[in-house]
């Protein structure tokens, strides 16, 4: 039996469009949503799926991870993979954000930044403060030197540090995902670091409010920052 990932075919047609794991995941999703595999039913074993799609074990395992991320299946250790839903949770968040426009992404960033600033002011510790100070210093240095990409990254790291200080892991992870997708938009949107230089004092004030454990002021300064773009 040939299972090499570079020789993959199915019983119907070659899988060419995406990575092999994504193609297998898409084909399995079609079978699940069409009712071929019912909710609660166990999917074929790894060897059976390897034979069905003519791919290696690593591609099958990655495809199952993709389906689990979509909310379609659950993996029970030692038992197998079972259909959890025929509709799943839809498109993965990261994929959805890739095709979102700047306005929508920036609006989500605004909502998150305001909340994480408020929570950071309540829960930060000394280690958090040192990280925020370090990134904010780099932000200023890169902005002063008109090093746009480095400045944007330092700005993202500063706000990521604020999110970490809030001690809410879900909010932290959401902010990281949104911020990374916004990075490309910022590089296209800004020709230089002038906007970052102009808002440095807002960021200094935000950090001070977090150090002072003043969530009301943190919220105010985070709002000012978001309203001014960066």
Protein backbone atom coordinates (compact mmCIF):
# COMPACT_ATOMS: atom_id res chain seq x y z
CA UNK A 1 0.00 0.00 0.00
CA UNK A 2 1.40 3.42 -0.97
CA UNK A 3 0.87 6.00 1.74
CA UNK A 4 3.35 8.70 0.77
CA UNK A 5 1.88 12.19 1.14
CA UNK A 6 3.20 13.20 -2.28
CA UNK A 7 1.17 10.45 -4.01
CA UNK A 8 -2.19 11.18 -2.44
CA UNK A 9 -5.39 10.30 -4.30
CA UNK A 10 -8.87 9.38 -3.19
CA UNK A 11 -11.36 6.97 -4.65
CA UNK A 12 -12.95 9.87 -6.55
CA UNK A 13 -10.41 12.52 -7.49
CA UNK A 14 -6.90 13.79 -6.71
CA UNK A 15 -6.49 16.10 -3.73
CA UNK A 16 -4.53 19.06 -5.00
CA UNK A 17 -5.84 22.35 -3.68
CA UNK A 18 -4.57 22.75 -0.10
CA UNK A 19 -2.22 20.83 2.16
CA UNK A 20 -2.96 17.12 2.30
CA UNK A 21 -4.22 17.33 5.88
CA UNK A 22 -6.59 20.18 5.00
CA UNK A 23 -7.89 18.31 1.97
CA UNK A 24 -8.53 15.18 4.01
CA UNK A 25 -10.23 17.27 6.69
CA UNK A 26 -12.45 18.93 4.07
CA UNK A 27 -13.43 15.56 2.54
CA UNK A 28 -14.21 14.09 5.94
CA UNK A 29 -16.21 17.19 6.84
CA UNK A 30 -18.28 16.71 3.68
CA UNK A 31 -19.01 13.13 4.75
CA UNK A 32 -20.00 14.27 8.22
CA UNK A 33 -22.23 17.14 7.13
CA UNK A 34 -23.91 14.94 4.49
CA UNK A 35 -24.85 12.41 7.15
CA UNK A 36 -22.49 9.66 6.03
CA UNK A 37 -21.16 9.70 9.57
CA UNK A 38 -23.81 10.45 12.18
CA UNK A 39 -23.37 12.31 15.46
CA UNK A 40 -21.90 9.88 17.99
CA UNK A 41 -20.55 7.57 15.30
CA UNK A 42 -16.91 6.60 15.33
CA UNK A 43 -14.77 7.54 12.34
CA UNK A 44 -12.72 4.81 10.64
CA UNK A 45 -9.41 3.98 12.29
CA UNK A 46 -6.17 5.67 11.26
CA UNK A 47 -5.05 2.72 9.06
CA UNK A 48 -8.47 2.69 7.36
CA UNK A 49 -8.33 6.44 6.67
CA UNK A 50 -4.74 6.13 5.43
CA UNK A 51 -5.93 3.53 2.94
CA UNK A 52 -9.02 5.50 1.95
CA UNK A 53 -7.10 8.69 1.20
CA UNK A 54 -3.70 7.19 0.33
CA UNK A 55 -1.82 9.44 2.74
CA UNK A 56 0.54 8.96 5.65
CA UNK A 57 -0.36 8.75 9.31
CA UNK A 58 0.82 12.31 10.04
CA UNK A 59 -1.65 13.77 7.52
CA UNK A 60 -4.54 11.78 9.02
CA UNK A 61 -3.68 12.91 12.53
CA UNK A 62 -3.40 16.54 11.45
CA UNK A 63 -6.74 16.29 9.60
CA UNK A 64 -8.41 14.97 12.77
CA UNK A 65 -6.95 17.91 14.72
CA UNK A 66 -8.42 20.30 12.15
CA UNK A 67 -11.85 18.67 12.46
CA UNK A 68 -11.62 18.82 16.26
CA UNK A 69 -10.75 22.53 16.04
CA UNK A 70 -13.81 23.05 13.86
CA UNK A 71 -15.95 21.40 16.53
CA UNK A 72 -16.93 18.45 14.35
CA UNK A 73 -15.23 15.59 16.18
CA UNK A 74 -13.81 14.68 19.56
CA UNK A 75 -10.90 12.36 20.16
CA UNK A 76 -11.19 9.89 23.01
CA UNK A 77 -7.78 8.58 23.96
CA UNK A 78 -7.59 4.83 23.46
CA UNK A 79 -11.08 4.62 21.96
CA UNK A 80 -11.06 6.57 18.72
CA UNK A 81 -12.49 9.67 17.05
CA UNK A 82 -16.22 10.34 17.28
CA UNK A 83 -18.51 12.75 15.44
CA UNK A 84 -19.49 15.54 17.79
CA UNK A 85 -21.56 17.72 15.45
CA UNK A 86 -22.63 17.84 11.81
CA UNK A 87 -22.31 21.61 11.68
CA UNK A 88 -19.38 22.32 14.00
CA UNK A 89 -18.35 25.82 14.99
CA UNK A 90 -17.89 26.98 11.42
CA UNK A 91 -14.78 28.71 10.11
CA UNK A 92 -11.79 28.81 12.43
CA UNK A 93 -11.24 32.21 14.03
CA UNK A 94 -7.74 32.63 12.61
CA UNK A 95 -9.00 31.94 9.08
CA UNK A 96 -11.90 34.35 9.54
CA UNK A 97 -9.58 37.11 10.72
CA UNK A 98 -7.35 36.66 7.66
CA UNK A 99 -10.12 37.92 5.40
CA UNK A 100 -11.51 40.56 7.79
CA UNK A 101 -11.15 44.20 6.79
CA UNK A 102 -9.17 46.69 8.85
CA UNK A 103 -12.22 48.49 10.22
CA UNK A 104 -13.72 45.34 11.72
CA UNK A 105 -10.40 44.13 13.12
CA UNK A 106 -9.61 47.51 14.61
CA UNK A 107 -13.01 47.64 16.29
CA UNK A 108 -12.37 44.27 17.95
CA UNK A 109 -8.91 45.49 18.99
CA UNK A 110 -10.47 48.55 20.58
CA UNK A 111 -12.91 46.49 22.64
CA UNK A 112 -10.17 44.13 23.81
CA UNK A 113 -7.58 46.79 24.59
CA UNK A 114 -9.96 48.72 26.80
CA UNK A 115 -10.90 45.64 28.79
CA UNK A 116 -7.41 44.19 29.14
CA UNK A 117 -6.12 47.55 30.38
CA UNK A 118 -8.81 47.66 33.03
CA UNK A 119 -8.06 44.10 34.17
CA UNK A 120 -4.30 44.65 34.11
CA UNK A 121 -4.68 47.55 36.52
CA UNK A 122 -6.40 45.21 38.94
CA UNK A 123 -4.20 42.13 38.62
CA UNK A 124 -0.69 43.15 37.47
CA UNK A 125 2.39 42.13 39.40
CA UNK A 126 5.95 43.47 39.41
CA UNK A 127 7.07 41.08 36.69
CA UNK A 128 4.24 42.30 34.45
CA UNK A 129 5.24 45.91 35.06
CA UNK A 130 8.85 45.26 34.07
CA UNK A 131 7.77 43.59 30.82
CA UNK A 132 5.46 46.47 29.95
CA UNK A 133 8.17 49.03 30.71
CA UNK A 134 10.66 47.18 28.52
CA UNK A 135 8.36 46.98 25.50
CA UNK A 136 7.21 50.57 25.88
CA UNK A 137 10.83 51.75 25.97
CA UNK A 138 11.53 49.82 22.77
CA UNK A 139 8.39 51.27 21.19
CA UNK A 140 9.68 54.80 21.90
CA UNK A 141 13.18 54.03 20.62
CA UNK A 142 11.94 52.50 17.38
CA UNK A 143 9.41 55.28 16.87
CA UNK A 144 12.14 57.91 17.37
CA UNK A 145 14.32 56.12 14.83
CA UNK A 146 11.44 55.75 12.34
CA UNK A 147 11.84 51.96 12.34
CA UNK A 148 8.24 51.21 11.50
CA UNK A 149 8.06 47.41 11.57
CA UNK A 150 10.05 47.15 14.80
CA UNK A 151 7.93 49.90 16.33
CA UNK A 152 4.69 48.11 15.41
CA UNK A 153 6.01 44.85 16.88
CA UNK A 154 7.06 46.58 20.10
CA UNK A 155 3.62 48.18 20.33
CA UNK A 156 1.95 44.78 19.89
CA UNK A 157 4.25 43.26 22.52
CA UNK A 158 3.40 46.07 24.94
CA UNK A 159 -0.32 45.44 24.62
CA UNK A 160 0.24 41.67 24.75
CA UNK A 161 2.03 42.22 28.05
CA UNK A 162 -0.97 44.18 29.29
CA UNK A 163 -3.22 41.30 28.25
CA UNK A 164 -1.02 38.86 30.17
CA UNK A 165 -1.16 41.09 33.23
CA UNK A 166 -4.96 40.85 33.19
CA UNK A 167 -4.70 37.13 34.09
CA UNK A 168 -7.53 36.14 31.75
CA UNK A 169 -6.06 33.53 29.40
CA UNK A 170 -8.92 33.58 26.90
CA UNK A 171 -8.81 37.36 26.59
CA UNK A 172 -5.01 37.22 26.31
CA UNK A 173 -5.13 34.65 23.51
CA UNK A 174 -7.86 36.52 21.64
CA UNK A 175 -5.86 39.73 21.77
CA UNK A 176 -2.73 38.00 20.49
CA UNK A 177 -4.59 36.56 17.51
CA UNK A 178 -6.26 39.87 16.60
CA UNK A 179 -3.05 41.86 17.07
CA UNK A 180 -0.99 39.60 14.83
CA UNK A 181 -3.56 39.92 12.05
CA UNK A 182 -3.57 43.70 12.48
CA UNK A 183 0.20 43.88 12.13
CA UNK A 184 0.03 43.46 8.35
CA UNK A 185 -2.66 46.13 8.13
CA UNK A 186 -0.56 48.57 10.18
CA UNK A 187 2.43 48.05 7.87
CA UNK A 188 0.25 48.96 4.89
CA UNK A 189 -1.58 51.77 6.68
CA UNK A 190 1.37 53.70 8.11
CA UNK A 191 4.19 55.14 6.01
CA UNK A 192 6.26 56.16 9.05
CA UNK A 193 6.21 56.16 12.85
CA UNK A 194 4.76 59.67 13.34
CA UNK A 195 1.46 58.35 14.69
CA UNK A 196 3.32 56.18 17.19
CA UNK A 197 5.45 59.10 18.35
CA UNK A 198 2.35 61.29 18.76
CA UNK A 199 0.64 58.73 21.01
CA UNK A 200 3.66 57.78 23.13
CA UNK A 201 2.49 59.97 26.04
CA UNK A 202 -0.87 58.17 26.01
CA UNK A 203 0.92 54.87 26.38
CA UNK A 204 3.09 56.26 29.18
CA UNK A 205 -0.05 57.38 30.99
CA UNK A 206 -1.71 54.01 30.44
CA UNK A 207 1.26 52.21 31.94
CA UNK A 208 1.30 54.55 34.93
CA UNK A 209 -2.39 53.95 35.58
CA UNK A 210 -1.74 50.20 35.53
CA UNK A 211 1.20 50.63 37.92
CA UNK A 212 -1.06 52.73 40.18
CA UNK A 213 -3.73 50.02 40.09
CA UNK A 214 -6.29 52.52 38.81
CA UNK A 215 -8.65 50.61 36.44
CA UNK A 216 -10.80 53.69 35.71
CA UNK A 217 -7.84 55.71 34.45
CA UNK A 218 -6.49 52.67 32.59
CA UNK A 219 -9.79 52.40 30.75
CA UNK A 220 -9.72 56.11 29.89
CA UNK A 221 -6.16 56.03 28.50
CA UNK A 222 -6.76 52.80 26.58
CA UNK A 223 -9.81 54.44 25.00
CA UNK A 224 -7.77 57.49 24.00
CA UNK A 225 -5.14 55.25 22.42
CA UNK A 226 -7.71 53.27 20.45
CA UNK A 227 -9.48 56.44 19.28
CA UNK A 228 -6.18 57.77 17.93
CA UNK A 229 -5.40 54.60 16.00
CA UNK A 230 -2.05 53.78 17.62
